[in-house]
PDB file of N, CA and C in Angstrom:
ATOM      1  N   MET A   1      10.100 -36.537-100.967  1.00  0.00           N
ATOM      2  CA  MET A   1      11.289 -35.945-100.385  1.00  0.00           C
ATOM      3  C   MET A   1      12.290 -35.660-101.494  1.00  0.00           C
ATOM      4  N   ASN A   2      12.973 -34.569-101.360  1.00  0.00           N
ATOM      5  CA  ASN A   2      13.964 -34.217-102.355  1.00  0.00           C
ATOM      6  C   ASN A   2      15.303 -34.863-101.986  1.00  0.00           C
ATOM      7  N   ASP A   3      15.446 -36.121-102.381  1.00  0.00           N
ATOM      8  CA  ASP A   3      16.650 -36.896-102.056  1.00  0.00           C
ATOM      9  C   ASP A   3      17.910 -36.214-102.568  1.00  0.00           C
ATOM     10  N   THR A   4      17.837 -35.715-103.792  1.00  0.00           N
ATOM     11  CA  THR A   4      19.004 -35.107-104.417  1.00  0.00           C
ATOM     12  C   THR A   4      19.472 -33.900-103.625  1.00  0.00           C
ATOM     13  N   ASN A   5      18.536 -33.066-103.196  1.00  0.00           N
ATOM     14  CA  ASN A   5      18.883 -31.871-102.435  1.00  0.00           C
ATOM     15  C   ASN A   5      19.582 -32.237-101.130  1.00  0.00           C
ATOM     16  N   LEU A   6      19.041 -33.197-100.406  1.00  0.00           N
ATOM     17  CA  LEU A   6      19.661 -33.616 -99.147  1.00  0.00           C
ATOM     18  C   LEU A   6      21.050 -34.195 -99.379  1.00  0.00           C
ATOM     19  N   LYS A   7      21.181 -35.020-100.387  1.00  0.00           N
ATOM     20  CA  LYS A   7      22.491 -35.613-100.679  1.00  0.00           C
ATOM     21  C   LYS A   7      23.509 -34.545-101.073  1.00  0.00           C
ATOM     22  N   GLU A   8      23.059 -33.548-101.839  1.00  0.00           N
ATOM     23  CA  GLU A   8      23.953 -32.458-102.226  1.00  0.00           C
ATOM     24  C   GLU A   8      24.382 -31.645-101.008  1.00  0.00           C
ATOM     25  N   LEU A   9      23.432 -31.363-100.113  1.00  0.00           N
ATOM     26  CA  LEU A   9      23.764 -30.617 -98.899  1.00  0.00           C
ATOM     27  C   LEU A   9      24.756 -31.384 -98.038  1.00  0.00           C
ATOM     28  N   LEU A  10      24.545 -32.675 -97.898  1.00  0.00           N
ATOM     29  CA  LEU A  10      25.477 -33.494 -97.118  1.00  0.00           C
ATOM     30  C   LEU A  10      26.862 -33.512 -97.762  1.00  0.00           C
ATOM     31  N   GLU A  11      26.903 -33.606 -99.076  1.00  0.00           N
ATOM     32  CA  GLU A  11      28.187 -33.593 -99.784  1.00  0.00           C
ATOM     33  C   GLU A  11      28.891 -32.252 -99.586  1.00  0.00           C
ATOM     34  N   GLN A  12      28.143 -31.157 -99.673  1.00  0.00           N
ATOM     35  CA  GLN A  12      28.730 -29.836 -99.460  1.00  0.00           C
ATOM     36  C   GLN A  12      29.255 -29.700 -98.034  1.00  0.00           C
ATOM     37  N   LEU A  13      28.518 -30.233 -97.086  1.00  0.00           N
ATOM     38  CA  LEU A  13      28.960 -30.203 -95.694  1.00  0.00           C
ATOM     39  C   LEU A  13      30.283 -30.956 -95.545  1.00  0.00           C
ATOM     40  N   HIS A  14      30.372 -32.128 -96.142  1.00  0.00           N
ATOM     41  CA  HIS A  14      31.619 -32.905 -96.079  1.00  0.00           C
ATOM     42  C   HIS A  14      32.779 -32.144 -96.729  1.00  0.00           C
ATOM     43  N   GLN A  15      32.517 -31.473 -97.845  1.00  0.00           N
ATOM     44  CA  GLN A  15      33.567 -30.708 -98.517  1.00  0.00           C
ATOM     45  C   GLN A  15      34.075 -29.570 -97.636  1.00  0.00           C
ATOM     46  N   VAL A  16      33.152 -28.892 -96.968  1.00  0.00           N
ATOM     47  CA  VAL A  16      33.549 -27.807 -96.061  1.00  0.00           C
ATOM     48  C   VAL A  16      34.401 -28.359 -94.927  1.00  0.00           C
ATOM     49  N   LEU A  17      33.986 -29.482 -94.377  1.00  0.00           N
ATOM     50  CA  LEU A  17      34.712 -30.067 -93.249  1.00  0.00           C
ATOM     51  C   LEU A  17      36.097 -30.556 -93.648  1.00  0.00           C
ATOM     52  N   GLU A  18      36.232 -31.044 -94.887  1.00  0.00           N
ATOM     53  CA  GLU A  18      37.541 -31.498 -95.363  1.00  0.00           C
ATOM     54  C   GLU A  18      38.544 -30.348 -95.435  1.00  0.00           C
ATOM     55  N   LYS A  19      38.040 -29.139 -95.636  1.00  0.00           N
ATOM     56  CA  LYS A  19      38.905 -27.966 -95.746  1.00  0.00           C
ATOM     57  C   LYS A  19      39.165 -27.314 -94.390  1.00  0.00           C
ATOM     58  N   THR A  20      38.548 -27.844 -93.354  1.00  0.00           N
ATOM     59  CA  THR A  20      38.666 -27.263 -92.022  1.00  0.00           C
ATOM     60  C   THR A  20      39.523 -28.161 -91.145  1.00  0.00           C
ATOM     61  N   ASP A  21      40.578 -27.595 -90.599  1.00  0.00           N
ATOM     62  CA  ASP A  21      41.491 -28.370 -89.760  1.00  0.00           C
ATOM     63  C   ASP A  21      41.042 -28.475 -88.309  1.00  0.00           C
ATOM     64  N   SER A  22      40.180 -27.579 -87.881  1.00  0.00           N
ATOM     65  CA  SER A  22      39.886 -27.471 -86.453  1.00  0.00           C
ATOM     66  C   SER A  22      38.643 -28.236 -85.993  1.00  0.00           C
ATOM     67  N   VAL A  23      38.156 -29.162 -86.795  1.00  0.00           N
ATOM     68  CA  VAL A  23      36.987 -29.942 -86.383  1.00  0.00           C
ATOM     69  C   VAL A  23      37.468 -31.168 -85.614  1.00  0.00           C
ATOM     70  N   ASP A  24      36.940 -31.327 -84.403  1.00  0.00           N
ATOM     71  CA  ASP A  24      37.388 -32.434 -83.563  1.00  0.00           C
ATOM     72  C   ASP A  24      36.819 -33.769 -84.053  1.00  0.00           C
ATOM     73  N   PRO A  25      37.482 -34.868 -83.737  1.00  0.00           N
ATOM     74  CA  PRO A  25      37.061 -36.191 -84.210  1.00  0.00           C
ATOM     75  C   PRO A  25      35.633 -36.568 -83.795  1.00  0.00           C
ATOM     76  N   GLU A  26      35.221 -36.176 -82.612  1.00  0.00           N
ATOM     77  CA  GLU A  26      33.863 -36.506 -82.157  1.00  0.00           C
ATOM     78  C   GLU A  26      32.810 -35.841 -83.040  1.00  0.00           C
ATOM     79  N   THR A  27      33.049 -34.588 -83.405  1.00  0.00           N
ATOM     80  CA  THR A  27      32.112 -33.878 -84.269  1.00  0.00           C
ATOM     81  C   THR A  27      32.089 -34.501 -85.655  1.00  0.00           C
ATOM     82  N   LEU A  28      33.262 -34.845 -86.182  1.00  0.00           N
ATOM     83  CA  LEU A  28      33.313 -35.515 -87.486  1.00  0.00           C
ATOM     84  C   LEU A  28      32.546 -36.830 -87.452  1.00  0.00           C
ATOM     85  N   ASN A  29      32.657 -37.554 -86.364  1.00  0.00           N
ATOM     86  CA  ASN A  29      31.926 -38.803 -86.211  1.00  0.00           C
ATOM     87  C   ASN A  29      30.422 -38.546 -86.190  1.00  0.00           C
ATOM     88  N   GLN A  30      29.993 -37.487 -85.510  1.00  0.00           N
ATOM     89  CA  GLN A  30      28.570 -37.150 -85.480  1.00  0.00           C
ATOM     90  C   GLN A  30      28.055 -36.830 -86.882  1.00  0.00           C
ATOM     91  N   VAL A  31      28.857 -36.136 -87.665  1.00  0.00           N
ATOM     92  CA  VAL A  31      28.457 -35.800 -89.033  1.00  0.00           C
ATOM     93  C   VAL A  31      28.353 -37.066 -89.876  1.00  0.00           C
ATOM     94  N   ARG A  32      29.302 -37.977 -89.721  1.00  0.00           N
ATOM     95  CA  ARG A  32      29.246 -39.243 -90.469  1.00  0.00           C
ATOM     96  C   ARG A  32      27.994 -40.041 -90.093  1.00  0.00           C
ATOM     97  N   GLU A  33      27.702 -40.088 -88.803  1.00  0.00           N
ATOM     98  CA  GLU A  33      26.503 -40.804 -88.345  1.00  0.00           C
ATOM     99  C   GLU A  33      25.236 -40.154 -88.891  1.00  0.00           C
ATOM    100  N   LEU A  34      25.205 -38.825 -88.899  1.00  0.00           N
ATOM    101  CA  LEU A  34      24.056 -38.114 -89.451  1.00  0.00           C
ATOM    102  C   LEU A  34      23.885 -38.448 -90.929  1.00  0.00           C
ATOM    103  N   ASP A  35      24.974 -38.429 -91.662  1.00  0.00           N
ATOM    104  CA  ASP A  35      24.946 -38.764 -93.085  1.00  0.00           C
ATOM    105  C   ASP A  35      24.387 -40.171 -93.295  1.00  0.00           C
ATOM    106  N   GLN A  36      24.856 -41.122 -92.508  1.00  0.00           N
ATOM    107  CA  GLN A  36      24.376 -42.503 -92.628  1.00  0.00           C
ATOM    108  C   GLN A  36      22.885 -42.600 -92.320  1.00  0.00           C
ATOM    109  N   GLU A  37      22.438 -41.898 -91.292  1.00  0.00           N
ATOM    110  CA  GLU A  37      21.023 -41.941 -90.917  1.00  0.00           C
ATOM    111  C   GLU A  37      20.139 -41.321 -91.993  1.00  0.00           C
ATOM    112  N   VAL A  38      20.563 -40.190 -92.537  1.00  0.00           N
ATOM    113  CA  VAL A  38      19.786 -39.548 -93.598  1.00  0.00           C
ATOM    114  C   VAL A  38      19.693 -40.475 -94.801  1.00  0.00           C
ATOM    115  N   ASN A  39      20.807 -41.069 -95.195  1.00  0.00           N
ATOM    116  CA  ASN A  39      20.783 -41.986 -96.341  1.00  0.00           C
ATOM    117  C   ASN A  39      19.918 -43.214 -96.068  1.00  0.00           C
ATOM    118  N   ARG A  40      19.963 -43.713 -94.846  1.00  0.00           N
ATOM    119  CA  ARG A  40      19.122 -44.855 -94.482  1.00  0.00           C
ATOM    120  C   ARG A  40      17.640 -44.486 -94.592  1.00  0.00           C
ATOM    121  N   LEU A  41      17.276 -43.303 -94.111  1.00  0.00           N
ATOM    122  CA  LEU A  41      15.885 -42.864 -94.194  1.00  0.00           C
ATOM    123  C   LEU A  41      15.450 -42.654 -95.638  1.00  0.00           C
ATOM    124  N   LEU A  42      16.339 -42.107 -96.446  1.00  0.00           N
ATOM    125  CA  LEU A  42      16.007 -41.897 -97.853  1.00  0.00           C
ATOM    126  C   LEU A  42      15.757 -43.224 -98.560  1.00  0.00           C
ATOM    127  N   GLU A  43      16.572 -44.210 -98.247  1.00  0.00           N
ATOM    128  CA  GLU A  43      16.427 -45.519 -98.887  1.00  0.00           C
ATOM    129  C   GLU A  43      15.176 -46.251 -98.417  1.00  0.00           C
ATOM    130  N   SER A  44      14.855 -46.113 -97.135  1.00  0.00           N
ATOM    131  CA  SER A  44      13.720 -46.861 -96.583  1.00  0.00           C
ATOM    132  C   SER A  44      12.395 -46.136 -96.760  1.00  0.00           C
ATOM    133  N   GLY A  45      12.450 -44.822 -96.991  1.00  0.00           N
ATOM    134  CA  GLY A  45      11.216 -44.056 -97.124  1.00  0.00           C
ATOM    135  C   GLY A  45      10.500 -43.845 -95.799  1.00  0.00           C
ATOM    136  N   SER A  46      11.197 -44.017 -94.696  1.00  0.00           N
ATOM    137  CA  SER A  46      10.601 -43.858 -93.368  1.00  0.00           C
ATOM    138  C   SER A  46      10.209 -42.412 -93.120  1.00  0.00           C
ATOM    139  N   GLN A  47       9.233 -42.240 -92.215  1.00  0.00           N
ATOM    140  CA  GLN A  47       8.789 -40.902 -91.840  1.00  0.00           C
ATOM    141  C   GLN A  47       8.449 -40.880 -90.366  1.00  0.00           C
ATOM    142  N   GLY A  48       7.955 -39.742 -89.899  1.00  0.00           N
ATOM    143  CA  GLY A  48       7.487 -39.628 -88.524  1.00  0.00           C
ATOM    144  C   GLY A  48       8.603 -39.539 -87.517  1.00  0.00           C
ATOM    145  N   ASP A  49       8.542 -40.418 -86.510  1.00  0.00           N
ATOM    146  CA  ASP A  49       9.491 -40.371 -85.395  1.00  0.00           C
ATOM    147  C   ASP A  49      10.939 -40.525 -85.844  1.00  0.00           C
ATOM    148  N   GLU A  50      11.169 -41.337 -86.858  1.00  0.00           N
ATOM    149  CA  GLU A  50      12.544 -41.526 -87.325  1.00  0.00           C
ATOM    150  C   GLU A  50      13.118 -40.220 -87.869  1.00  0.00           C
ATOM    151  N   PHE A  51      12.290 -39.460 -88.592  1.00  0.00           N
ATOM    152  CA  PHE A  51      12.746 -38.164 -89.082  1.00  0.00           C
ATOM    153  C   PHE A  51      13.004 -37.212 -87.924  1.00  0.00           C
ATOM    154  N   ASP A  52      12.131 -37.236 -86.929  1.00  0.00           N
ATOM    155  CA  ASP A  52      12.325 -36.379 -85.760  1.00  0.00           C
ATOM    156  C   ASP A  52      13.661 -36.668 -85.093  1.00  0.00           C
ATOM    157  N   ASN A  53      14.004 -37.944 -84.985  1.00  0.00           N
ATOM    158  CA  ASN A  53      15.280 -38.322 -84.371  1.00  0.00           C
ATOM    159  C   ASN A  53      16.469 -37.808 -85.180  1.00  0.00           C
ATOM    160  N   VAL A  54      16.370 -37.898 -86.496  1.00  0.00           N
ATOM    161  CA  VAL A  54      17.460 -37.429 -87.352  1.00  0.00           C
ATOM    162  C   VAL A  54      17.565 -35.905 -87.284  1.00  0.00           C
ATOM    163  N   VAL A  55      16.420 -35.222 -87.231  1.00  0.00           N
ATOM    164  CA  VAL A  55      16.437 -33.763 -87.098  1.00  0.00           C
ATOM    165  C   VAL A  55      17.096 -33.372 -85.779  1.00  0.00           C
ATOM    166  N   ASP A  56      16.756 -34.071 -84.704  1.00  0.00           N
ATOM    167  CA  ASP A  56      17.390 -33.804 -83.406  1.00  0.00           C
ATOM    168  C   ASP A  56      18.897 -34.031 -83.474  1.00  0.00           C
ATOM    169  N   GLN A  57      19.289 -35.085 -84.156  1.00  0.00           N
ATOM    170  CA  GLN A  57      20.712 -35.394 -84.324  1.00  0.00           C
ATOM    171  C   GLN A  57      21.405 -34.264 -85.098  1.00  0.00           C
ATOM    172  N   ALA A  58      20.765 -33.776 -86.151  1.00  0.00           N
ATOM    173  CA  ALA A  58      21.332 -32.682 -86.945  1.00  0.00           C
ATOM    174  C   ALA A  58      21.434 -31.404 -86.118  1.00  0.00           C
ATOM    175  N   ARG A  59      20.439 -31.144 -85.287  1.00  0.00           N
ATOM    176  CA  ARG A  59      20.477 -29.945 -84.435  1.00  0.00           C
ATOM    177  C   ARG A  59      21.631 -30.013 -83.433  1.00  0.00           C
ATOM    178  N   ALA A  60      21.911 -31.196 -82.934  1.00  0.00           N
ATOM    179  CA  ALA A  60      23.025 -31.354 -81.992  1.00  0.00           C
ATOM    180  C   ALA A  60      24.350 -31.014 -82.672  1.00  0.00           C
ATOM    181  N   VAL A  61      24.510 -31.460 -83.907  1.00  0.00           N
ATOM    182  CA  VAL A  61      25.734 -31.153 -84.649  1.00  0.00           C
ATOM    183  C   VAL A  61      25.772 -29.659 -84.979  1.00  0.00           C
ATOM    184  N   GLU A  62      24.633 -29.111 -85.369  1.00  0.00           N
ATOM    185  CA  GLU A  62      24.565 -27.683 -85.698  1.00  0.00           C
ATOM    186  C   GLU A  62      25.005 -26.833 -84.507  1.00  0.00           C
ATOM    187  N   THR A  63      24.578 -27.203 -83.326  1.00  0.00           N
ATOM    188  CA  THR A  63      24.949 -26.470 -82.118  1.00  0.00           C
ATOM    189  C   THR A  63      26.460 -26.463 -81.922  1.00  0.00           C
ATOM    190  N   ARG A  64      27.093 -27.572 -82.206  1.00  0.00           N
ATOM    191  CA  ARG A  64      28.558 -27.655 -82.063  1.00  0.00           C
ATOM    192  C   ARG A  64      29.269 -26.738 -83.059  1.00  0.00           C
ATOM    193  N   PHE A  65      28.663 -26.537 -84.235  1.00  0.00           N
ATOM    194  CA  PHE A  65      29.281 -25.729 -85.279  1.00  0.00           C
ATOM    195  C   PHE A  65      28.962 -24.244 -85.167  1.00  0.00           C
ATOM    196  N   ALA A  66      27.983 -23.870 -84.396  1.00  0.00           N
ATOM    197  CA  ALA A  66      27.449 -22.508 -84.396  1.00  0.00           C
ATOM    198  C   ALA A  66      28.523 -21.429 -84.283  1.00  0.00           C
ATOM    199  N   VAL A  67      29.462 -21.597 -83.412  1.00  0.00           N
ATOM    200  CA  VAL A  67      30.466 -20.564 -83.179  1.00  0.00           C
ATOM    201  C   VAL A  67      31.699 -20.744 -84.060  1.00  0.00           C
ATOM    202  N   ASP A  68      32.215 -21.947 -84.111  1.00  0.00           N
ATOM    203  CA  ASP A  68      33.508 -22.173 -84.763  1.00  0.00           C
ATOM    204  C   ASP A  68      33.443 -22.435 -86.261  1.00  0.00           C
ATOM    205  N   HIS A  69      32.305 -22.896 -86.751  1.00  0.00           N
ATOM    206  CA  HIS A  69      32.210 -23.300 -88.162  1.00  0.00           C
ATOM    207  C   HIS A  69      30.897 -22.807 -88.779  1.00  0.00           C
ATOM    208  N   PRO A  70      30.759 -21.493 -88.965  1.00  0.00           N
ATOM    209  CA  PRO A  70      29.490 -20.943 -89.452  1.00  0.00           C
ATOM    210  C   PRO A  70      29.080 -21.437 -90.841  1.00  0.00           C
ATOM    211  N   VAL A  71      30.033 -21.729 -91.708  1.00  0.00           N
ATOM    212  CA  VAL A  71      29.672 -22.229 -93.043  1.00  0.00           C
ATOM    213  C   VAL A  71      29.066 -23.622 -92.928  1.00  0.00           C
ATOM    214  N   ALA A  72      29.686 -24.475 -92.142  1.00  0.00           N
ATOM    215  CA  ALA A  72      29.147 -25.820 -91.933  1.00  0.00           C
ATOM    216  C   ALA A  72      27.788 -25.747 -91.251  1.00  0.00           C
ATOM    217  N   GLU A  73      27.639 -24.810 -90.336  1.00  0.00           N
ATOM    218  CA  GLU A  73      26.351 -24.656 -89.651  1.00  0.00           C
ATOM    219  C   GLU A  73      25.245 -24.319 -90.654  1.00  0.00           C
ATOM    220  N   ARG A  74      25.558 -23.494 -91.639  1.00  0.00           N
ATOM    221  CA  ARG A  74      24.560 -23.119 -92.648  1.00  0.00           C
ATOM    222  C   ARG A  74      24.061 -24.355 -93.401  1.00  0.00           C
ATOM    223  N   PHE A  75      24.962 -25.244 -93.766  1.00  0.00           N
ATOM    224  CA  PHE A  75      24.547 -26.463 -94.464  1.00  0.00           C
ATOM    225  C   PHE A  75      23.690 -27.341 -93.560  1.00  0.00           C
ATOM    226  N   LEU A  76      24.073 -27.437 -92.301  1.00  0.00           N
ATOM    227  CA  LEU A  76      23.271 -28.225 -91.360  1.00  0.00           C
ATOM    228  C   LEU A  76      21.882 -27.627 -91.194  1.00  0.00           C
ATOM    229  N   ARG A  77      21.792 -26.306 -91.137  1.00  0.00           N
ATOM    230  CA  ARG A  77      20.493 -25.652 -91.013  1.00  0.00           C
ATOM    231  C   ARG A  77      19.613 -25.982 -92.224  1.00  0.00           C
ATOM    232  N   GLU A  78      20.193 -25.962 -93.417  1.00  0.00           N
ATOM    233  CA  GLU A  78      19.439 -26.309 -94.625  1.00  0.00           C
ATOM    234  C   GLU A  78      18.996 -27.773 -94.595  1.00  0.00           C
ATOM    235  N   ILE A  79      19.857 -28.649 -94.111  1.00  0.00           N
ATOM    236  CA  ILE A  79      19.501 -30.067 -93.989  1.00  0.00           C
ATOM    237  C   ILE A  79      18.336 -30.219 -93.025  1.00  0.00           C
ATOM    238  N   ILE A  80      18.396 -29.526 -91.895  1.00  0.00           N
ATOM    239  CA  ILE A  80      17.323 -29.592 -90.900  1.00  0.00           C
ATOM    240  C   ILE A  80      16.016 -29.086 -91.488  1.00  0.00           C
ATOM    241  N   GLU A  81      16.061 -27.961 -92.193  1.00  0.00           N
ATOM    242  CA  GLU A  81      14.849 -27.412 -92.804  1.00  0.00           C
ATOM    243  C   GLU A  81      14.253 -28.382 -93.814  1.00  0.00           C
ATOM    244  N   THR A  82      15.093 -28.987 -94.630  1.00  0.00           N
ATOM    245  CA  THR A  82      14.604 -29.935 -95.633  1.00  0.00           C
ATOM    246  C   THR A  82      13.990 -31.158 -94.971  1.00  0.00           C
ATOM    247  N   LEU A  83      14.654 -31.695 -93.963  1.00  0.00           N
ATOM    248  CA  LEU A  83      14.106 -32.850 -93.245  1.00  0.00           C
ATOM    249  C   LEU A  83      12.793 -32.498 -92.559  1.00  0.00           C
ATOM    250  N   SER A  84      12.718 -31.313 -91.979  1.00  0.00           N
ATOM    251  CA  SER A  84      11.502 -30.899 -91.273  1.00  0.00           C
ATOM    252  C   SER A  84      10.318 -30.781 -92.220  1.00  0.00           C
ATOM    253  N   LYS A  85      10.569 -30.349 -93.432  1.00  0.00           N
ATOM    254  CA  LYS A  85       9.487 -30.192 -94.410  1.00  0.00           C
ATOM    255  C   LYS A  85       8.898 -31.529 -94.842  1.00  0.00           C
ATOM    256  N   VAL A  86       9.710 -32.563 -94.861  1.00  0.00           N
ATOM    257  CA  VAL A  86       9.239 -33.845 -95.387  1.00  0.00           C
ATOM    258  C   VAL A  86       8.932 -34.873 -94.319  1.00  0.00           C
ATOM    259  N   GLY A  87       9.366 -34.654 -93.110  1.00  0.00           N
ATOM    260  CA  GLY A  87       9.191 -35.646 -92.055  1.00  0.00           C
ATOM    261  C   GLY A  87       7.942 -35.449 -91.229  1.00  0.00           C
ATOM    262  N   ILE A  88       6.875 -35.105 -91.851  1.00  0.00           N
ATOM    263  CA  ILE A  88       5.608 -34.800 -91.174  1.00  0.00           C
ATOM    264  C   ILE A  88       5.125 -35.974 -90.362  1.00  0.00           C
TER     265      ILE A  88
END
């Protein structure tokens, strides 16, 4: 798994969100939880169902961003693609 790429994407997502005033607290919390889950998976080396759960979690956040935050959505899409490639 490309740990560095995922961490960079998550960092870029956080940077975009810091510059955005209109993100609600619930969505920010979902992003923080996603970040924690991705980092936990990277550290543990887990695969399979755990990756599927994290991908589902990322898709839920992506859906919230689709209309109001297209730049953040792009980073989430890249995170989902990267997780999907390695979470066989």
